[in-house]
PDB file of N, CA and C in Angstrom:
ATOM      1  N   MET A   1      84.397 -46.045  15.295  1.00  0.00           N
ATOM      2  CA  MET A   1      83.861 -44.752  14.850  1.00  0.00           C
ATOM      3  C   MET A   1      82.363 -45.309  15.750  1.00  0.00           C
ATOM      4  N   ILE A   2      81.653 -43.667  15.980  1.00  0.00           N
ATOM      5  CA  ILE A   2      80.527 -43.377  16.836  1.00  0.00           C
ATOM      6  C   ILE A   2      79.563 -43.186  15.796  1.00  0.00           C
ATOM      7  N   HIS A   3      78.354 -43.736  15.719  1.00  0.00           N
ATOM      8  CA  HIS A   3      77.203 -43.503  14.731  1.00  0.00           C
ATOM      9  C   HIS A   3      76.079 -43.355  15.502  1.00  0.00           C
ATOM     10  N   LEU A   4      75.386 -42.214  15.488  1.00  0.00           N
ATOM     11  CA  LEU A   4      73.907 -42.082  16.400  1.00  0.00           C
ATOM     12  C   LEU A   4      73.068 -42.014  15.098  1.00  0.00           C
ATOM     13  N   VAL A   5      71.944 -42.572  14.908  1.00  0.00           N
ATOM     14  CA  VAL A   5      70.850 -42.467  14.042  1.00  0.00           C
ATOM     15  C   VAL A   5      69.811 -41.380  14.784  1.00  0.00           C
ATOM     16  N   GLY A   6      69.103 -40.929  13.698  1.00  0.00           N
ATOM     17  CA  GLY A   6      67.969 -39.976  14.227  1.00  0.00           C
ATOM     18  C   GLY A   6      68.158 -39.013  14.954  1.00  0.00           C
ATOM     19  N   LEU A   7      69.333 -38.004  14.654  1.00  0.00           N
ATOM     20  CA  LEU A   7      69.736 -36.485  15.369  1.00  0.00           C
ATOM     21  C   LEU A   7      68.983 -35.584  14.735  1.00  0.00           C
ATOM     22  N   THR A   8      68.656 -34.334  15.341  1.00  0.00           N
ATOM     23  CA  THR A   8      68.104 -33.492  14.460  1.00  0.00           C
ATOM     24  C   THR A   8      69.094 -33.149  14.064  1.00  0.00           C
ATOM     25  N   HIS A   9      69.359 -31.587  13.232  1.00  0.00           N
ATOM     26  CA  HIS A   9      70.159 -30.741  12.897  1.00  0.00           C
ATOM     27  C   HIS A   9      70.911 -30.098  14.669  1.00  0.00           C
ATOM     28  N   ARG A  10      70.071 -29.687  15.357  1.00  0.00           N
ATOM     29  CA  ARG A  10      70.497 -29.092  16.450  1.00  0.00           C
ATOM     30  C   ARG A  10      71.052 -29.830  17.475  1.00  0.00           C
ATOM     31  N   GLN A  11      70.619 -31.146  17.511  1.00  0.00           N
ATOM     32  CA  GLN A  11      71.389 -32.183  18.296  1.00  0.00           C
ATOM     33  C   GLN A  11      72.826 -32.182  17.604  1.00  0.00           C
ATOM     34  N   VAL A  12      72.880 -32.739  16.413  1.00  0.00           N
ATOM     35  CA  VAL A  12      74.293 -32.550  15.640  1.00  0.00           C
ATOM     36  C   VAL A  12      75.007 -31.541  15.904  1.00  0.00           C
ATOM     37  N   GLU A  13      74.482 -30.171  15.810  1.00  0.00           N
ATOM     38  CA  GLU A  13      75.227 -29.141  16.080  1.00  0.00           C
ATOM     39  C   GLU A  13      76.005 -28.980  17.454  1.00  0.00           C
ATOM     40  N   LEU A  14      75.202 -29.594  18.402  1.00  0.00           N
ATOM     41  CA  LEU A  14      75.491 -29.596  19.932  1.00  0.00           C
ATOM     42  C   LEU A  14      76.899 -30.499  20.015  1.00  0.00           C
ATOM     43  N   LEU A  15      76.628 -31.647  19.138  1.00  0.00           N
ATOM     44  CA  LEU A  15      77.758 -32.999  19.038  1.00  0.00           C
ATOM     45  C   LEU A  15      78.854 -32.141  18.611  1.00  0.00           C
ATOM     46  N   ASP A  16      78.931 -31.359  17.750  1.00  0.00           N
ATOM     47  CA  ASP A  16      80.068 -30.929  16.926  1.00  0.00           C
ATOM     48  C   ASP A  16      80.725 -30.179  17.555  1.00  0.00           C
ATOM     49  N   VAL A  17      79.702 -29.149  18.438  1.00  0.00           N
ATOM     50  CA  VAL A  17      80.598 -28.396  19.502  1.00  0.00           C
ATOM     51  C   VAL A  17      81.229 -29.042  20.699  1.00  0.00           C
ATOM     52  N   LEU A  18      80.461 -30.008  20.962  1.00  0.00           N
ATOM     53  CA  LEU A  18      81.645 -30.652  22.049  1.00  0.00           C
ATOM     54  C   LEU A  18      82.557 -31.541  21.788  1.00  0.00           C
ATOM     55  N   TRP A  19      82.300 -32.286  20.525  1.00  0.00           N
ATOM     56  CA  TRP A  19      83.347 -33.041  20.196  1.00  0.00           C
ATOM     57  C   TRP A  19      84.618 -32.174  20.131  1.00  0.00           C
ATOM     58  N   ASP A  20      84.529 -30.729  19.622  1.00  0.00           N
ATOM     59  CA  ASP A  20      85.921 -30.030  19.422  1.00  0.00           C
ATOM     60  C   ASP A  20      86.759 -29.474  20.851  1.00  0.00           C
ATOM     61  N   LEU A  21      85.672 -29.658  21.833  1.00  0.00           N
ATOM     62  CA  LEU A  21      86.277 -29.285  23.149  1.00  0.00           C
ATOM     63  C   LEU A  21      87.470 -30.323  23.469  1.00  0.00           C
ATOM     64  N   ASP A  22      88.394 -29.463  24.183  1.00  0.00           N
ATOM     65  CA  ASP A  22      89.725 -30.347  24.615  1.00  0.00           C
ATOM     66  C   ASP A  22      89.543 -31.067  26.263  1.00  0.00           C
ATOM     67  N   SER A  23      89.021 -30.573  26.749  1.00  0.00           N
ATOM     68  CA  SER A  23      88.533 -31.022  28.425  1.00  0.00           C
ATOM     69  C   SER A  23      87.355 -31.051  28.559  1.00  0.00           C
ATOM     70  N   ALA A  24      87.166 -31.796  30.210  1.00  0.00           N
ATOM     71  CA  ALA A  24      85.873 -31.759  30.788  1.00  0.00           C
ATOM     72  C   ALA A  24      85.611 -30.812  31.326  1.00  0.00           C
ATOM     73  N   GLU A  25      86.541 -29.584  31.299  1.00  0.00           N
ATOM     74  CA  GLU A  25      86.417 -28.469  31.755  1.00  0.00           C
ATOM     75  C   GLU A  25      85.687 -27.513  30.811  1.00  0.00           C
ATOM     76  N   GLU A  26      86.223 -27.712  29.619  1.00  0.00           N
ATOM     77  CA  GLU A  26      85.651 -26.841  28.524  1.00  0.00           C
ATOM     78  C   GLU A  26      83.893 -27.333  28.092  1.00  0.00           C
ATOM     79  N   VAL A  27      83.801 -28.634  28.407  1.00  0.00           N
ATOM     80  CA  VAL A  27      82.605 -28.969  28.196  1.00  0.00           C
ATOM     81  C   VAL A  27      81.410 -28.452  29.087  1.00  0.00           C
ATOM     82  N   GLN A  28      81.749 -28.349  30.373  1.00  0.00           N
ATOM     83  CA  GLN A  28      81.190 -27.598  31.670  1.00  0.00           C
ATOM     84  C   GLN A  28      80.903 -26.394  31.286  1.00  0.00           C
ATOM     85  N   ASN A  29      81.985 -25.800  30.787  1.00  0.00           N
ATOM     86  CA  ASN A  29      81.994 -24.367  30.602  1.00  0.00           C
ATOM     87  C   ASN A  29      80.897 -24.066  29.466  1.00  0.00           C
ATOM     88  N   PHE A  30      80.995 -24.950  28.613  1.00  0.00           N
ATOM     89  CA  PHE A  30      79.915 -24.775  27.210  1.00  0.00           C
ATOM     90  C   PHE A  30      78.813 -25.149  27.990  1.00  0.00           C
ATOM     91  N   ILE A  31      78.402 -26.150  28.575  1.00  0.00           N
ATOM     92  CA  ILE A  31      77.052 -26.289  28.632  1.00  0.00           C
ATOM     93  C   ILE A  31      76.479 -25.457  29.655  1.00  0.00           C
ATOM     94  N   SER A  32      76.975 -24.715  30.672  1.00  0.00           N
ATOM     95  CA  SER A  32      76.604 -23.919  31.678  1.00  0.00           C
ATOM     96  C   SER A  32      76.123 -22.879  31.278  1.00  0.00           C
ATOM     97  N   ASP A  33      76.569 -22.662  29.625  1.00  0.00           N
ATOM     98  CA  ASP A  33      76.433 -21.303  29.131  1.00  0.00           C
ATOM     99  C   ASP A  33      75.046 -21.499  28.287  1.00  0.00           C
ATOM    100  N   LEU A  34      74.576 -22.709  28.151  1.00  0.00           N
ATOM    101  CA  LEU A  34      73.538 -22.840  27.423  1.00  0.00           C
ATOM    102  C   LEU A  34      72.279 -22.679  28.220  1.00  0.00           C
ATOM    103  N   SER A  35      70.991 -22.799  27.451  1.00  0.00           N
ATOM    104  CA  SER A  35      69.667 -22.683  27.823  1.00  0.00           C
ATOM    105  C   SER A  35      69.776 -24.046  28.760  1.00  0.00           C
ATOM    106  N   ASP A  36      68.373 -23.736  29.513  1.00  0.00           N
ATOM    107  CA  ASP A  36      68.460 -25.376  30.384  1.00  0.00           C
ATOM    108  C   ASP A  36      67.594 -25.990  29.655  1.00  0.00           C
ATOM    109  N   ARG A  37      67.092 -26.195  28.524  1.00  0.00           N
ATOM    110  CA  ARG A  37      66.631 -27.084  27.310  1.00  0.00           C
ATOM    111  C   ARG A  37      68.114 -27.604  26.753  1.00  0.00           C
ATOM    112  N   ASP A  38      68.820 -26.640  26.029  1.00  0.00           N
ATOM    113  CA  ASP A  38      69.981 -27.410  25.629  1.00  0.00           C
ATOM    114  C   ASP A  38      71.291 -27.830  26.604  1.00  0.00           C
ATOM    115  N   GLN A  39      71.091 -27.655  27.988  1.00  0.00           N
ATOM    116  CA  GLN A  39      71.986 -28.394  28.586  1.00  0.00           C
ATOM    117  C   GLN A  39      71.486 -29.713  28.982  1.00  0.00           C
ATOM    118  N   GLN A  40      70.210 -29.926  28.965  1.00  0.00           N
ATOM    119  CA  GLN A  40      69.150 -30.856  29.108  1.00  0.00           C
ATOM    120  C   GLN A  40      70.025 -31.708  27.881  1.00  0.00           C
ATOM    121  N   GLU A  41      69.716 -31.289  26.541  1.00  0.00           N
ATOM    122  CA  GLU A  41      69.970 -31.901  25.320  1.00  0.00           C
ATOM    123  C   GLU A  41      71.229 -32.541  25.469  1.00  0.00           C
ATOM    124  N   CYS A  42      72.241 -31.707  25.998  1.00  0.00           N
ATOM    125  CA  CYS A  42      73.779 -32.176  26.078  1.00  0.00           C
ATOM    126  C   CYS A  42      73.837 -33.163  26.722  1.00  0.00           C
ATOM    127  N   GLN A  43      73.463 -33.183  28.154  1.00  0.00           N
ATOM    128  CA  GLN A  43      73.608 -34.322  29.067  1.00  0.00           C
ATOM    129  C   GLN A  43      72.629 -36.056  28.151  1.00  0.00           C
ATOM    130  N   THR A  44      71.828 -35.681  27.797  1.00  0.00           N
ATOM    131  CA  THR A  44      71.107 -36.851  26.850  1.00  0.00           C
ATOM    132  C   THR A  44      72.151 -37.256  25.646  1.00  0.00           C
ATOM    133  N   LEU A  45      72.631 -36.320  24.705  1.00  0.00           N
ATOM    134  CA  LEU A  45      73.622 -36.560  23.827  1.00  0.00           C
ATOM    135  C   LEU A  45      74.758 -37.431  24.414  1.00  0.00           C
ATOM    136  N   MET A  46      75.473 -36.757  25.412  1.00  0.00           N
ATOM    137  CA  MET A  46      76.653 -37.337  25.966  1.00  0.00           C
ATOM    138  C   MET A  46      76.307 -38.735  26.814  1.00  0.00           C
ATOM    139  N   GLU A  47      75.468 -38.765  27.265  1.00  0.00           N
ATOM    140  CA  GLU A  47      74.723 -40.543  27.610  1.00  0.00           C
ATOM    141  C   GLU A  47      74.543 -41.444  26.789  1.00  0.00           C
ATOM    142  N   LEU A  48      73.934 -40.969  25.161  1.00  0.00           N
ATOM    143  CA  LEU A  48      73.760 -41.705  24.390  1.00  0.00           C
ATOM    144  C   LEU A  48      75.314 -41.859  23.579  1.00  0.00           C
ATOM    145  N   LEU A  49      76.086 -41.008  23.668  1.00  0.00           N
ATOM    146  CA  LEU A  49      77.400 -41.227  23.438  1.00  0.00           C
ATOM    147  C   LEU A  49      78.190 -42.442  24.183  1.00  0.00           C
ATOM    148  N   ARG A  50      78.168 -42.285  25.595  1.00  0.00           N
ATOM    149  CA  ARG A  50      78.503 -43.483  26.355  1.00  0.00           C
ATOM    150  C   ARG A  50      77.725 -44.777  26.051  1.00  0.00           C
ATOM    151  N   LEU A  51      76.533 -44.834  26.026  1.00  0.00           N
ATOM    152  CA  LEU A  51      76.155 -46.118  25.553  1.00  0.00           C
ATOM    153  C   LEU A  51      76.393 -46.838  24.530  1.00  0.00           C
ATOM    154  N   GLU A  52      76.705 -45.975  23.567  1.00  0.00           N
ATOM    155  CA  GLU A  52      77.088 -46.280  21.907  1.00  0.00           C
ATOM    156  C   GLU A  52      78.802 -46.821  22.045  1.00  0.00           C
ATOM    157  N   LEU A  53      79.302 -46.148  22.950  1.00  0.00           N
ATOM    158  CA  LEU A  53      80.797 -46.648  23.365  1.00  0.00           C
ATOM    159  C   LEU A  53      80.805 -47.958  23.912  1.00  0.00           C
ATOM    160  N   LEU A  54      80.175 -48.214  25.184  1.00  0.00           N
ATOM    161  CA  LEU A  54      79.867 -49.042  25.668  1.00  0.00           C
ATOM    162  C   LEU A  54      79.528 -50.232  24.816  1.00  0.00           C
ATOM    163  N   ASP A  55      78.336 -50.081  23.855  1.00  0.00           N
ATOM    164  CA  ASP A  55      78.027 -51.101  23.102  1.00  0.00           C
ATOM    165  C   ASP A  55      78.813 -51.657  22.101  1.00  0.00           C
ATOM    166  N   GLN A  56      79.561 -50.679  21.586  1.00  0.00           N
ATOM    167  CA  GLN A  56      81.003 -50.932  20.939  1.00  0.00           C
ATOM    168  C   GLN A  56      81.839 -51.804  21.460  1.00  0.00           C
ATOM    169  N   SER A  57      82.374 -51.495  22.615  1.00  0.00           N
ATOM    170  CA  SER A  57      83.100 -52.258  23.149  1.00  0.00           C
ATOM    171  C   SER A  57      83.036 -53.872  23.538  1.00  0.00           C
ATOM    172  N   ILE A  58      81.708 -53.540  23.793  1.00  0.00           N
ATOM    173  CA  ILE A  58      80.541 -55.200  24.087  1.00  0.00           C
ATOM    174  C   ILE A  58      81.008 -56.216  22.898  1.00  0.00           C
ATOM    175  N   ASN A  59      80.784 -55.290  22.026  1.00  0.00           N
ATOM    176  CA  ASN A  59      80.866 -56.020  20.658  1.00  0.00           C
ATOM    177  C   ASN A  59      82.149 -56.515  20.363  1.00  0.00           C
ATOM    178  N   LEU A  60      83.194 -55.634  20.702  1.00  0.00           N
ATOM    179  CA  LEU A  60      84.665 -55.947  20.385  1.00  0.00           C
ATOM    180  C   LEU A  60      84.686 -56.991  20.947  1.00  0.00           C
ATOM    181  N   LEU A  61      84.550 -57.473  22.419  1.00  0.00           N
ATOM    182  CA  LEU A  61      85.097 -58.039  23.514  1.00  0.00           C
ATOM    183  C   LEU A  61      84.549 -59.516  22.819  1.00  0.00           C
ATOM    184  N   LEU A  62      83.252 -59.705  22.573  1.00  0.00           N
ATOM    185  CA  LEU A  62      82.329 -60.742  21.733  1.00  0.00           C
ATOM    186  C   LEU A  62      83.258 -61.255  20.816  1.00  0.00           C
ATOM    187  N   SER A  63      83.344 -60.541  19.890  1.00  0.00           N
ATOM    188  CA  SER A  63      84.478 -61.034  18.755  1.00  0.00           C
ATOM    189  C   SER A  63      85.705 -61.429  19.274  1.00  0.00           C
ATOM    190  N   PHE A  64      86.303 -60.908  20.026  1.00  0.00           N
ATOM    191  CA  PHE A  64      87.665 -61.623  20.697  1.00  0.00           C
ATOM    192  C   PHE A  64      87.250 -62.892  20.775  1.00  0.00           C
ATOM    193  N   LYS A  65      86.232 -63.255  21.806  1.00  0.00           N
ATOM    194  CA  LYS A  65      85.749 -64.413  22.580  1.00  0.00           C
ATOM    195  C   LYS A  65      85.662 -65.148  21.535  1.00  0.00           C
ATOM    196  N   GLU A  66      84.837 -65.107  20.544  1.00  0.00           N
ATOM    197  CA  GLU A  66      84.638 -65.937  18.864  1.00  0.00           C
ATOM    198  C   GLU A  66      85.963 -66.531  18.274  1.00  0.00           C
ATOM    199  N   ALA A  67      86.777 -65.072  18.385  1.00  0.00           N
ATOM    200  CA  ALA A  67      88.032 -65.669  17.802  1.00  0.00           C
ATOM    201  C   ALA A  67      88.929 -66.437  18.472  1.00  0.00           C
ATOM    202  N   ASN A  68      89.087 -66.194  19.759  1.00  0.00           N
ATOM    203  CA  ASN A  68      89.975 -67.185  20.743  1.00  0.00           C
ATOM    204  C   ASN A  68      89.460 -68.526  20.826  1.00  0.00           C
ATOM    205  N   LYS A  69      87.944 -68.651  20.463  1.00  0.00           N
ATOM    206  CA  LYS A  69      87.392 -69.918  20.328  1.00  0.00           C
ATOM    207  C   LYS A  69      87.823 -70.815  19.195  1.00  0.00           C
ATOM    208  N   VAL A  70      87.914 -69.764  18.228  1.00  0.00           N
ATOM    209  CA  VAL A  70      88.283 -70.691  17.098  1.00  0.00           C
ATOM    210  C   VAL A  70      90.081 -71.162  17.278  1.00  0.00           C
ATOM    211  N   ILE A  71      90.835 -69.981  17.753  1.00  0.00           N
ATOM    212  CA  ILE A  71      92.214 -69.902  17.669  1.00  0.00           C
ATOM    213  C   ILE A  71      92.476 -71.526  18.728  1.00  0.00           C
ATOM    214  N   SER A  72      91.749 -71.576  20.072  1.00  0.00           N
ATOM    215  CA  SER A  72      92.281 -72.570  20.526  1.00  0.00           C
ATOM    216  C   SER A  72      92.039 -73.818  20.035  1.00  0.00           C
ATOM    217  N   LYS A  73      91.281 -73.955  19.099  1.00  0.00           N
ATOM    218  CA  LYS A  73      91.221 -75.404  18.381  1.00  0.00           C
ATOM    219  C   LYS A  73      92.148 -75.954  17.603  1.00  0.00           C
ATOM    220  N   PHE A  74      93.283 -74.614  17.025  1.00  0.00           N
ATOM    221  CA  PHE A  74      94.568 -74.796  16.545  1.00  0.00           C
ATOM    222  C   PHE A  74      95.728 -74.886  17.869  1.00  0.00           C
ATOM    223  N   THR A  75      95.355 -74.444  18.804  1.00  0.00           N
ATOM    224  CA  THR A  75      96.182 -74.690  20.128  1.00  0.00           C
ATOM    225  C   THR A  75      97.077 -76.139  20.009  1.00  0.00           C
ATOM    226  N   LEU A  76      98.035 -76.295  20.041  1.00  0.00           N
ATOM    227  CA  LEU A  76      98.824 -77.542  20.419  1.00  0.00           C
ATOM    228  C   LEU A  76      98.855 -77.961  21.933  1.00  0.00           C
ATOM    229  N   GLY A  77      98.204 -78.948  22.197  1.00  0.00           N
ATOM    230  CA  GLY A  77      98.334 -79.533  23.449  1.00  0.00           C
ATOM    231  C   GLY A  77      99.703 -80.317  24.056  1.00  0.00           C
ATOM    232  N   LYS A  78      99.898 -80.510  25.484  1.00  0.00           N
ATOM    233  CA  LYS A  78     100.829 -81.097  25.766  1.00  0.00           C
ATOM    234  C   LYS A  78     100.837 -82.462  25.816  1.00  0.00           C
TER     235      LYS A  78
END
Protein backbone atom coordinates (compact mmCIF):
# COMPACT_ATOMS: atom_id res chain seq x y z
CA MET A 1 0.00 0.00 0.00
CA ILE A 2 1.30 3.41 -0.94
CA HIS A 3 0.88 6.10 1.69
CA LEU A 4 1.82 9.73 1.06
CA VAL A 5 1.36 12.17 3.94
CA GLY A 6 0.56 15.87 3.83
CA LEU A 7 -1.04 16.09 0.39
CA THR A 8 -3.40 18.89 -0.52
CA HIS A 9 -6.93 18.20 -1.72
CA ARG A 10 -5.84 19.10 -5.27
CA GLN A 11 -2.87 16.71 -5.11
CA VAL A 12 -5.16 13.89 -3.97
CA GLU A 13 -7.53 14.67 -6.86
CA LEU A 14 -4.67 14.55 -9.37
CA LEU A 15 -3.35 11.28 -7.96
CA ASP A 16 -6.83 9.74 -8.05
CA VAL A 17 -7.10 10.54 -11.75
CA LEU A 18 -3.57 9.31 -12.48
CA TRP A 19 -4.20 6.08 -10.57
CA ASP A 20 -7.31 5.34 -12.66
CA LEU A 21 -5.51 5.69 -15.99
CA ASP A 22 -4.55 2.44 -17.72
CA SER A 23 -1.40 3.24 -19.66
CA ALA A 24 1.59 5.54 -19.83
CA GLU A 25 0.06 7.04 -22.96
CA GLU A 26 -3.14 7.93 -21.07
CA VAL A 27 -1.06 9.50 -18.32
CA GLN A 28 0.89 11.58 -20.81
CA ASN A 29 -2.31 12.67 -22.58
CA PHE A 30 -3.91 13.66 -19.29
CA ILE A 31 -0.87 15.60 -18.12
CA SER A 32 -0.44 17.39 -21.46
CA ASP A 33 -3.97 18.78 -21.17
CA LEU A 34 -3.24 20.37 -17.77
CA SER A 35 -1.94 23.83 -16.98
CA ASP A 36 1.83 24.19 -16.62
CA ARG A 37 1.45 24.33 -12.85
CA ASP A 38 -0.63 21.13 -12.70
CA GLN A 39 1.76 19.40 -15.11
CA GLN A 40 4.63 20.14 -12.75
CA GLU A 41 2.50 19.03 -9.80
CA CYS A 42 1.79 15.69 -11.50
CA GLN A 43 5.48 15.18 -12.28
CA THR A 44 6.34 15.87 -8.65
CA LEU A 45 3.61 13.54 -7.39
CA MET A 46 4.76 10.74 -9.69
CA GLU A 47 8.31 11.19 -8.40
CA LEU A 48 7.01 10.95 -4.83
CA LEU A 49 5.24 7.73 -5.78
CA ARG A 50 8.44 6.30 -7.28
CA LEU A 51 10.40 7.20 -4.16
CA GLU A 52 7.77 5.65 -1.88
CA LEU A 53 7.76 2.45 -3.94
CA LEU A 54 11.55 2.34 -3.83
CA ASP A 55 11.51 2.85 -0.07
CA GLN A 56 8.99 0.04 0.36
CA SER A 57 11.06 -2.27 -1.85
CA ILE A 58 14.22 -1.57 0.13
CA ASN A 59 12.42 -2.20 3.42
CA LEU A 60 11.06 -5.47 2.08
CA LEU A 61 14.52 -6.59 0.97
CA LEU A 62 15.96 -5.68 4.36
CA SER A 63 13.27 -7.69 6.13
CA PHE A 64 14.12 -10.69 3.92
CA LYS A 65 17.77 -10.26 4.83
CA GLU A 66 16.92 -10.33 8.53
CA ALA A 67 14.63 -13.35 8.04
CA ASN A 68 17.38 -15.20 6.17
CA LYS A 69 19.80 -14.52 9.04
CA VAL A 70 17.38 -16.14 11.48
CA ILE A 71 16.63 -19.05 9.16
CA SER A 72 20.34 -19.70 8.52
CA LYS A 73 20.77 -20.43 12.23
CA PHE A 74 18.50 -23.44 11.81
CA THR A 75 20.00 -24.75 8.56
CA LEU A 76 21.49 -28.20 8.88
CA GLY A 77 25.17 -28.29 8.14
CA LYS A 78 27.05 -31.04 6.33
